[in-house]
Amino acid sequence: MHPIEDHVCIASRRWSAEEKERPLAASLGPDGAILKVACAAGIQVRQLFRWRK
């Protein structure tokens, strides 16, 4: 069992299409682990799911 990591809440902001492109592409790829991609991009998982819609 892995310990749960604390995630920092990020203030609301606007993301340009270019800023969204990289994490979206990474999340749709073969190794696209959503949590890892979101953490690397500095966004919450739910935000990445919204962008994918």
N, C-alpha and C. Protein backbone atom coordinates (compact mmCIF):
# COMPACT_ATOMS: atom_id res chain seq x y z
N MET A 1 0.83 -1.18 0.00
CA MET A 1 0.00 0.00 0.00
C MET A 1 0.88 1.24 0.00
N HIS A 2 0.54 2.20 -0.87
CA HIS A 2 1.34 3.42 -0.98
C HIS A 2 0.71 4.53 -0.17
N PRO A 3 1.55 5.35 0.47
CA PRO A 3 0.99 6.49 1.22
C PRO A 3 0.38 7.49 0.24
N ILE A 4 -0.66 8.16 0.68
CA ILE A 4 -1.31 9.17 -0.15
C ILE A 4 -0.49 10.45 -0.09
N GLU A 5 -0.20 10.99 -1.27
CA GLU A 5 0.58 12.21 -1.33
C GLU A 5 -0.34 13.41 -1.16
N ASP A 6 0.17 14.44 -0.48
CA ASP A 6 -0.58 15.68 -0.35
C ASP A 6 -0.40 16.48 -1.63
N HIS A 7 -1.49 17.01 -2.14
CA HIS A 7 -1.42 17.82 -3.35
C HIS A 7 -1.77 19.25 -3.01
N VAL A 8 -1.00 20.17 -3.55
CA VAL A 8 -1.20 21.58 -3.28
C VAL A 8 -2.33 22.10 -4.16
N CYS A 9 -3.23 22.83 -3.56
CA CYS A 9 -4.32 23.46 -4.30
C CYS A 9 -3.75 24.67 -5.04
N ILE A 10 -4.06 24.78 -6.30
CA ILE A 10 -3.55 25.85 -7.13
C ILE A 10 -4.66 26.87 -7.38
N ALA A 11 -4.31 28.14 -7.29
CA ALA A 11 -5.30 29.20 -7.50
C ALA A 11 -5.84 29.15 -8.93
N SER A 12 -7.05 29.63 -9.08
CA SER A 12 -7.71 29.66 -10.39
C SER A 12 -6.95 30.55 -11.35
N ARG A 13 -6.83 30.11 -12.60
CA ARG A 13 -6.17 30.91 -13.62
C ARG A 13 -6.65 30.47 -14.99
N ARG A 14 -6.32 31.23 -15.99
CA ARG A 14 -6.66 30.90 -17.38
C ARG A 14 -5.46 30.24 -18.02
N TRP A 15 -5.72 29.18 -18.78
CA TRP A 15 -4.67 28.45 -19.48
C TRP A 15 -4.85 28.65 -20.98
N SER A 16 -3.78 29.00 -21.66
CA SER A 16 -3.86 29.16 -23.11
C SER A 16 -3.92 27.78 -23.76
N ALA A 17 -4.31 27.75 -25.02
CA ALA A 17 -4.36 26.49 -25.76
C ALA A 17 -2.99 25.83 -25.82
N GLU A 18 -1.94 26.63 -25.94
CA GLU A 18 -0.58 26.09 -25.99
C GLU A 18 -0.17 25.46 -24.66
N GLU A 19 -0.61 26.05 -23.55
CA GLU A 19 -0.29 25.51 -22.23
C GLU A 19 -1.03 24.20 -21.98
N LYS A 20 -2.22 24.06 -22.53
CA LYS A 20 -3.02 22.85 -22.35
C LYS A 20 -2.52 21.71 -23.24
N GLU A 21 -1.93 22.05 -24.36
CA GLU A 21 -1.56 21.05 -25.37
C GLU A 21 -0.62 19.96 -24.85
N ARG A 22 0.42 20.35 -24.14
CA ARG A 22 1.42 19.37 -23.69
C ARG A 22 0.85 18.34 -22.71
N PRO A 23 0.19 18.76 -21.61
CA PRO A 23 -0.37 17.74 -20.71
C PRO A 23 -1.48 16.92 -21.36
N LEU A 24 -2.26 17.53 -22.24
CA LEU A 24 -3.31 16.77 -22.93
C LEU A 24 -2.70 15.67 -23.79
N ALA A 25 -1.69 16.02 -24.56
CA ALA A 25 -1.03 15.04 -25.42
C ALA A 25 -0.41 13.92 -24.58
N ALA A 26 0.23 14.29 -23.47
CA ALA A 26 0.85 13.29 -22.60
C ALA A 26 -0.19 12.36 -21.98
N SER A 27 -1.35 12.91 -21.63
CA SER A 27 -2.38 12.09 -20.98
C SER A 27 -3.06 11.14 -21.96
N LEU A 28 -3.03 11.46 -23.23
CA LEU A 28 -3.66 10.61 -24.24
C LEU A 28 -2.70 9.58 -24.82
N GLY A 29 -1.41 9.70 -24.51
CA GLY A 29 -0.41 8.77 -25.02
C GLY A 29 -0.47 7.42 -24.33
N PRO A 30 0.35 6.47 -24.79
CA PRO A 30 0.33 5.12 -24.24
C PRO A 30 0.74 5.04 -22.76
N ASP A 31 1.59 5.96 -22.31
CA ASP A 31 2.03 5.97 -20.91
C ASP A 31 1.34 7.07 -20.12
N GLY A 32 0.16 7.47 -20.55
CA GLY A 32 -0.53 8.63 -19.98
C GLY A 32 -1.18 8.39 -18.65
N ALA A 33 -0.39 8.21 -17.61
CA ALA A 33 -0.92 8.08 -16.25
C ALA A 33 -1.41 9.47 -15.82
N ILE A 34 -2.72 9.62 -15.66
CA ILE A 34 -3.33 10.91 -15.42
C ILE A 34 -2.73 11.63 -14.21
N LEU A 35 -2.56 10.94 -13.11
CA LEU A 35 -2.04 11.58 -11.90
C LEU A 35 -0.62 12.10 -12.14
N LYS A 36 0.22 11.30 -12.77
CA LYS A 36 1.60 11.73 -13.03
C LYS A 36 1.65 12.93 -13.97
N VAL A 37 0.83 12.90 -15.01
CA VAL A 37 0.80 14.00 -15.98
C VAL A 37 0.31 15.28 -15.29
N ALA A 38 -0.75 15.17 -14.52
CA ALA A 38 -1.30 16.34 -13.83
C ALA A 38 -0.29 16.93 -12.85
N CYS A 39 0.36 16.10 -12.09
CA CYS A 39 1.35 16.58 -11.12
C CYS A 39 2.52 17.26 -11.83
N ALA A 40 2.98 16.66 -12.92
CA ALA A 40 4.10 17.23 -13.66
C ALA A 40 3.73 18.59 -14.26
N ALA A 41 2.46 18.75 -14.63
CA ALA A 41 2.00 20.01 -15.22
C ALA A 41 1.60 21.04 -14.16
N GLY A 42 1.52 20.61 -12.91
CA GLY A 42 1.14 21.52 -11.83
C GLY A 42 -0.35 21.82 -11.82
N ILE A 43 -1.16 20.85 -12.26
CA ILE A 43 -2.61 21.03 -12.27
C ILE A 43 -3.27 19.89 -11.52
N GLN A 44 -4.53 20.06 -11.19
CA GLN A 44 -5.26 19.00 -10.52
C GLN A 44 -5.78 18.01 -11.55
N VAL A 45 -5.96 16.78 -11.11
CA VAL A 45 -6.43 15.71 -11.99
C VAL A 45 -7.77 16.07 -12.62
N ARG A 46 -8.67 16.63 -11.83
CA ARG A 46 -9.99 16.97 -12.37
C ARG A 46 -9.90 18.01 -13.48
N GLN A 47 -8.92 18.92 -13.39
CA GLN A 47 -8.74 19.91 -14.45
C GLN A 47 -8.31 19.23 -15.75
N LEU A 48 -7.42 18.27 -15.66
CA LEU A 48 -6.97 17.55 -16.84
C LEU A 48 -8.13 16.77 -17.46
N PHE A 49 -8.98 16.17 -16.65
CA PHE A 49 -10.14 15.46 -17.17
C PHE A 49 -11.09 16.43 -17.89
N ARG A 50 -11.28 17.63 -17.34
CA ARG A 50 -12.13 18.62 -18.00
C ARG A 50 -11.57 19.01 -19.36
N TRP A 51 -10.26 19.20 -19.44
CA TRP A 51 -9.62 19.57 -20.70
C TRP A 51 -9.77 18.46 -21.73
N ARG A 52 -9.81 17.22 -21.28
CA ARG A 52 -9.91 16.09 -22.20
C ARG A 52 -11.30 15.96 -22.83
N LYS A 53 -12.30 16.59 -22.25
CA LYS A 53 -13.68 16.49 -22.78
C LYS A 53 -13.83 17.26 -24.07
